[in-house]
């Protein structure tokens, strides 16, 4: 019996699956960074007329619709809608939605590269939060890297003392993303990824709908299409992000996540004429460097812990 020839899509998939895991992970994160940048660019464009809460609602609601087929397959029981930690899922949804609003507010009123750089400060805030909530043991090197990273944040906030309120909102978003990440680590011990994604979209829609309605600006047909794209792109980018870290080693693939800074800078210059200044470039470089060092140290600590068990 002769084998059926592969279709074009199957051949591409087979070639991709034949790549080393870290290469696959890097490509997934590159795709995630690119899609996130497109989403943020659209959000910034929409924010010129629509309220950021409307964009947040679209991200949550249409992102939820994207996972409906997978949710229908999973059902209402274990692995689907049912959760073993409902209060934590609800808290995670509220924290994540607030972080999402801060992020969209930041990209609307800040240059894309600035907003993205401050968002990456989440890795620095994750260290103290992990100590408090996850009882993780953190060595002096990671604490020192965190301190250096915060120096980068201070530089980005402008050492002249002219600190904009929107930069503080962006920083608050980074703190909330770090807290949401801690909550994800906790609830993922009990629930599946599809369950987490459902509560992200469901709670996000529920939380955002009232402030979006109170600040509603009637979108044009084109803006409705762009709002749908925000949700679809956001959900797809998140999926690529999860796949990247699931298949590749964190220390090998993490640098590719930061390519979004390059994409954001390019989009900012070409579309919005936002040229990053020396504070943005220097601060972002310090934040990224410190964050990558923390990722590396965390991976080494996990390997050492696995070797002991």
Protein backbone atom coordinates (compact mmCIF):
# COMPACT_ATOMS: atom_id res chain seq x y z
CA UNK A 1 0.00 0.00 0.00
CA UNK A 2 1.53 3.28 -1.13
CA UNK A 3 1.65 6.25 1.23
CA UNK A 4 -0.47 9.25 0.39
CA UNK A 5 1.60 12.34 -0.50
CA UNK A 6 1.57 15.11 2.08
CA UNK A 7 -0.37 18.25 1.37
CA UNK A 8 1.46 21.59 1.40
CA UNK A 9 0.32 22.39 4.94
CA UNK A 10 1.25 18.92 6.20
CA UNK A 11 4.69 19.15 4.60
CA UNK A 12 5.35 22.53 6.22
CA UNK A 13 4.17 21.17 9.58
CA UNK A 14 6.43 18.12 9.24
CA UNK A 15 9.45 20.30 8.42
CA UNK A 16 8.67 22.56 11.40
CA UNK A 17 8.31 19.59 13.78
CA UNK A 18 11.66 18.26 12.58
CA UNK A 19 13.42 21.40 13.86
CA UNK A 20 15.19 21.29 17.27
CA UNK A 21 12.81 22.16 20.16
CA UNK A 22 14.62 25.41 21.01
CA UNK A 23 14.39 26.56 17.38
CA UNK A 24 10.67 25.80 17.37
CA UNK A 25 10.25 27.66 20.66
CA UNK A 26 12.17 30.66 19.33
CA UNK A 27 9.98 30.80 16.20
CA UNK A 28 6.81 30.60 18.30
CA UNK A 29 8.01 33.51 20.44
CA UNK A 30 8.99 35.52 17.37
CA UNK A 31 5.48 35.01 16.03
CA UNK A 32 4.03 35.98 19.42
CA UNK A 33 6.10 39.17 19.60
CA UNK A 34 5.15 40.15 16.05
CA UNK A 35 1.42 39.51 16.59
CA UNK A 36 1.42 41.33 19.94
CA UNK A 37 3.04 44.34 18.27
CA UNK A 38 0.38 44.37 15.54
CA UNK A 39 -2.31 44.18 18.23
CA UNK A 40 -0.75 47.06 20.19
CA UNK A 41 -0.37 49.14 17.04
CA UNK A 42 -4.06 48.67 16.25
CA UNK A 43 -4.95 49.44 19.88
CA UNK A 44 -2.93 52.66 19.76
CA UNK A 45 -4.69 53.67 16.54
CA UNK A 46 -8.11 52.91 18.03
CA UNK A 47 -7.20 54.80 21.20
CA UNK A 48 -7.02 58.04 19.24
CA UNK A 49 -10.84 58.04 19.24
CA UNK A 50 -12.17 55.15 21.32
CA UNK A 51 -11.78 54.65 25.07
CA UNK A 52 -9.14 52.13 26.25
CA UNK A 53 -11.88 50.26 28.15
CA UNK A 54 -13.58 49.56 24.80
CA UNK A 55 -10.35 48.09 23.47
CA UNK A 56 -9.95 46.03 26.65
CA UNK A 57 -13.50 44.69 26.29
CA UNK A 58 -12.84 43.72 22.68
CA UNK A 59 -9.60 41.96 23.65
CA UNK A 60 -11.38 39.92 26.33
CA UNK A 61 -14.64 39.17 24.50
CA UNK A 62 -13.34 38.32 21.03
CA UNK A 63 -10.38 36.49 22.57
CA UNK A 64 -12.94 34.37 24.43
CA UNK A 65 -14.79 33.60 21.20
CA UNK A 66 -11.56 32.33 19.65
CA UNK A 67 -11.25 29.54 22.23
CA UNK A 68 -14.96 28.54 22.12
CA UNK A 69 -14.31 25.58 19.72
CA UNK A 70 -11.64 24.21 22.05
CA UNK A 71 -13.88 24.85 25.04
CA UNK A 72 -16.76 22.95 23.44
CA UNK A 73 -14.46 19.99 22.93
CA UNK A 74 -13.30 20.17 26.58
CA UNK A 75 -16.87 20.47 27.92
CA UNK A 76 -18.16 21.69 31.25
CA UNK A 77 -16.31 19.24 33.46
CA UNK A 78 -12.66 18.79 34.43
CA UNK A 79 -10.35 20.31 31.84
CA UNK A 80 -13.09 22.63 30.60
CA UNK A 81 -15.16 25.21 32.44
CA UNK A 82 -15.09 23.48 35.81
CA UNK A 83 -12.40 24.81 38.11
CA UNK A 84 -11.13 23.59 41.45
CA UNK A 85 -10.01 27.05 42.54
CA UNK A 86 -12.82 29.41 41.53
CA UNK A 87 -11.89 32.31 43.88
CA UNK A 88 -8.32 32.32 42.56
CA UNK A 89 -9.52 32.14 38.95
CA UNK A 90 -11.81 35.13 39.55
CA UNK A 91 -9.03 37.07 41.27
CA UNK A 92 -6.64 36.25 38.44
CA UNK A 93 -9.23 37.43 35.92
CA UNK A 94 -9.73 40.76 37.71
CA UNK A 95 -5.98 41.34 38.11
CA UNK A 96 -5.30 40.38 34.50
CA UNK A 97 -8.07 42.60 33.16
CA UNK A 98 -6.83 45.59 35.15
CA UNK A 99 -3.30 44.93 33.86
CA UNK A 100 -4.68 44.74 30.33
CA UNK A 101 -6.41 48.11 30.70
CA UNK A 102 -3.20 49.67 32.02
CA UNK A 103 -1.35 48.23 29.04
CA UNK A 104 -3.80 49.55 26.46
CA UNK A 105 -3.89 52.93 28.21
CA UNK A 106 -0.09 53.05 28.09
CA UNK A 107 0.22 52.18 24.39
CA UNK A 108 -2.45 54.77 23.59
CA UNK A 109 -0.72 57.68 25.30
CA UNK A 110 2.96 56.65 25.18
CA UNK A 111 5.33 55.71 22.35
CA UNK A 112 5.01 51.98 21.68
CA UNK A 113 8.64 51.27 22.54
CA UNK A 114 8.36 53.07 25.89
CA UNK A 115 5.18 51.25 26.86
CA UNK A 116 6.63 47.88 25.85
CA UNK A 117 9.88 48.49 27.74
CA UNK A 118 8.08 49.35 30.99
CA UNK A 119 5.85 46.31 30.50
CA UNK A 120 8.94 44.09 30.55
CA UNK A 121 9.63 45.32 34.08
CA UNK A 122 7.12 42.63 35.07
CA UNK A 123 10.01 40.18 35.30
CA UNK A 124 11.61 42.33 37.98
CA UNK A 125 8.44 42.57 40.08
CA UNK A 126 7.97 38.83 39.76
CA UNK A 127 10.97 38.19 42.03
CA UNK A 128 9.58 39.75 45.25
CA UNK A 129 6.06 38.48 44.49
CA UNK A 130 7.38 34.93 44.06
CA UNK A 131 9.14 35.21 47.43
CA UNK A 132 5.93 36.39 49.13
CA UNK A 133 3.29 34.18 47.49
CA UNK A 134 5.20 31.15 46.19
CA UNK A 135 7.72 30.96 49.06
CA UNK A 136 10.54 30.70 46.52
CA UNK A 137 14.12 30.87 47.70
CA UNK A 138 15.89 33.65 45.82
CA UNK A 139 19.66 34.11 45.89
CA UNK A 140 21.61 37.32 46.12
CA UNK A 141 22.41 37.37 42.39
CA UNK A 142 18.77 37.47 41.37
CA UNK A 143 18.07 40.19 43.91
CA UNK A 144 21.03 42.18 42.60
CA UNK A 145 19.79 41.74 39.01
CA UNK A 146 16.36 42.93 40.11
CA UNK A 147 17.92 46.05 41.66
CA UNK A 148 19.87 46.77 38.46
CA UNK A 149 16.68 46.30 36.45
CA UNK A 150 14.86 48.83 38.58
CA UNK A 151 17.65 51.27 37.80
CA UNK A 152 16.60 50.86 34.17
CA UNK A 153 13.01 51.63 35.17
CA UNK A 154 14.13 54.80 36.96
CA UNK A 155 16.05 55.89 33.86
CA UNK A 156 12.97 55.32 31.69
CA UNK A 157 10.85 57.34 34.10
CA UNK A 158 13.19 60.24 33.36
CA UNK A 159 15.73 61.13 36.09
CA UNK A 160 15.02 64.82 35.43
CA UNK A 161 11.99 64.46 37.69
CA UNK A 162 9.51 65.00 34.86
CA UNK A 163 7.58 61.76 35.42
CA UNK A 164 4.39 61.38 33.39
CA UNK A 165 1.32 59.81 35.01
CA UNK A 166 0.87 57.48 32.04
CA UNK A 167 4.34 56.00 32.72
CA UNK A 168 3.25 55.18 36.27
CA UNK A 169 0.11 53.51 34.89
CA UNK A 170 2.31 51.45 32.55
CA UNK A 171 4.44 50.47 35.55
CA UNK A 172 1.32 49.54 37.53
CA UNK A 173 0.34 47.31 34.62
CA UNK A 174 3.72 45.57 34.86
CA UNK A 175 3.18 44.95 38.59
CA UNK A 176 -0.27 43.50 37.90
CA UNK A 177 1.04 41.28 35.10
CA UNK A 178 3.66 39.93 37.52
CA UNK A 179 0.95 39.27 40.13
CA UNK A 180 -1.22 37.58 37.49
CA UNK A 181 1.76 35.40 36.55
CA UNK A 182 2.12 34.28 40.16
CA UNK A 183 -1.59 33.44 40.23
CA UNK A 184 -1.20 31.47 36.99
CA UNK A 185 1.57 29.41 38.57
CA UNK A 186 -0.74 28.63 41.49
CA UNK A 187 -3.96 27.82 39.58
CA UNK A 188 -2.14 25.83 36.87
CA UNK A 189 -1.43 23.24 39.55
CA UNK A 190 -5.19 22.55 39.62
CA UNK A 191 -6.64 23.54 36.23
CA UNK A 192 -5.75 23.06 32.55
CA UNK A 193 -4.61 25.85 30.17
CA UNK A 194 -7.99 25.93 28.39
CA UNK A 195 -9.68 26.50 31.76
CA UNK A 196 -7.31 29.38 32.49
CA UNK A 197 -7.97 30.93 29.08
CA UNK A 198 -11.74 30.64 29.57
CA UNK A 199 -11.71 32.49 32.89
CA UNK A 200 -9.33 35.09 31.47
CA UNK A 201 -11.82 35.94 28.72
CA UNK A 202 -14.98 35.48 30.77
CA UNK A 203 -13.92 37.53 33.78
CA UNK A 204 -12.23 40.09 31.54
CA UNK A 205 -15.46 40.62 29.59
CA UNK A 206 -17.50 40.87 32.78
CA UNK A 207 -15.11 43.37 34.40
CA UNK A 208 -14.61 45.57 31.34
CA UNK A 209 -18.19 45.77 30.09
CA UNK A 210 -19.47 48.37 32.60
CA UNK A 211 -16.61 50.94 32.29
CA UNK A 212 -16.61 50.38 28.53
CA UNK A 213 -20.36 51.11 28.39
CA UNK A 214 -19.99 54.21 30.58
CA UNK A 215 -17.25 55.57 28.30
CA UNK A 216 -18.69 54.21 25.05
CA UNK A 217 -17.87 55.95 21.79
CA UNK A 218 -19.81 54.43 18.86
CA UNK A 219 -17.20 52.71 16.63
CA UNK A 220 -17.32 52.97 12.87
CA UNK A 221 -17.65 49.73 10.83
CA UNK A 222 -13.89 49.81 10.24
CA UNK A 223 -13.23 50.28 13.96
CA UNK A 224 -15.51 47.33 14.78
CA UNK A 225 -13.39 45.20 12.44
CA UNK A 226 -10.21 46.44 14.13
CA UNK A 227 -11.66 45.68 17.57
CA UNK A 228 -12.32 42.11 16.45
CA UNK A 229 -8.73 41.91 15.20
CA UNK A 230 -7.46 43.06 18.61
CA UNK A 231 -9.19 40.11 20.28
CA UNK A 232 -8.17 37.54 17.68
CA UNK A 233 -4.57 38.74 17.46
CA UNK A 234 -4.25 38.89 21.24
CA UNK A 235 -5.53 35.34 21.72
CA UNK A 236 -3.37 33.98 18.88
CA UNK A 237 -0.26 35.76 20.18
CA UNK A 238 -0.90 34.40 23.68
CA UNK A 239 -1.21 30.89 22.26
CA UNK A 240 2.11 31.28 20.42
CA UNK A 241 3.68 32.56 23.65
CA UNK A 242 2.51 29.51 25.61
CA UNK A 243 3.69 27.11 22.89
CA UNK A 244 7.10 28.78 22.73
CA UNK A 245 7.86 28.34 26.41
CA UNK A 246 6.24 24.89 26.50
CA UNK A 247 8.54 23.41 23.84
CA UNK A 248 11.79 25.34 24.34
CA UNK A 249 14.15 25.93 27.25
CA UNK A 250 13.40 29.25 28.91
CA UNK A 251 17.00 30.44 28.80
CA UNK A 252 17.24 29.66 25.08
CA UNK A 253 13.95 31.14 23.89
CA UNK A 254 13.39 34.05 26.31
CA UNK A 255 15.61 36.49 24.34
CA UNK A 256 13.28 36.17 21.36
CA UNK A 257 10.37 37.50 23.43
CA UNK A 258 12.20 40.82 23.61
CA UNK A 259 12.18 41.21 19.83
CA UNK A 260 8.82 42.88 20.42
CA UNK A 261 10.84 45.92 21.53
CA UNK A 262 12.38 46.07 18.06
CA UNK A 263 9.02 45.56 16.37
CA UNK A 264 7.44 48.21 18.60
CA UNK A 265 10.21 50.71 17.88
CA UNK A 266 9.88 50.15 14.12
CA UNK A 267 6.09 50.46 14.22
CA UNK A 268 6.35 53.57 16.41
CA UNK A 269 8.73 55.31 14.02
CA UNK A 270 7.00 54.34 10.76
CA UNK A 271 3.34 54.70 11.79
CA UNK A 272 3.32 57.19 14.67
CA UNK A 273 6.63 59.05 14.11
CA UNK A 274 7.76 58.20 17.67
CA UNK A 275 11.55 58.12 17.78
CA UNK A 276 12.93 56.45 20.97
CA UNK A 277 15.20 58.79 22.95
CA UNK A 278 18.37 57.93 24.84
CA UNK A 279 16.48 57.34 28.12
CA UNK A 280 14.21 54.76 26.47
CA UNK A 281 17.09 52.93 24.78
CA UNK A 282 19.34 52.86 27.85
CA UNK A 283 16.54 52.00 30.28
CA UNK A 284 15.14 49.29 28.03
CA UNK A 285 18.59 47.73 27.58
CA UNK A 286 19.10 47.56 31.36
CA UNK A 287 15.60 46.13 31.99
CA UNK A 288 15.99 43.47 29.29
CA UNK A 289 19.48 42.52 30.43
CA UNK A 290 18.43 42.18 34.06
CA UNK A 291 15.28 40.24 33.13
CA UNK A 292 17.22 37.78 30.97
CA UNK A 293 19.71 37.23 33.79
CA UNK A 294 16.85 36.51 36.20
CA UNK A 295 15.36 34.01 33.71
CA UNK A 296 18.74 32.30 33.44
CA UNK A 297 19.21 32.10 37.20
CA UNK A 298 15.67 30.79 37.68
CA UNK A 299 16.25 28.06 35.08
CA UNK A 300 19.48 27.05 36.82
CA UNK A 301 17.71 26.95 40.17
CA UNK A 302 14.93 24.75 38.72
CA UNK A 303 17.48 22.33 37.26
CA UNK A 304 19.28 22.11 40.59
CA UNK A 305 15.98 21.48 42.38
CA UNK A 306 15.04 18.75 39.86
CA UNK A 307 18.43 17.09 40.35
CA UNK A 308 17.86 16.92 44.10
CA UNK A 309 14.41 15.34 43.81
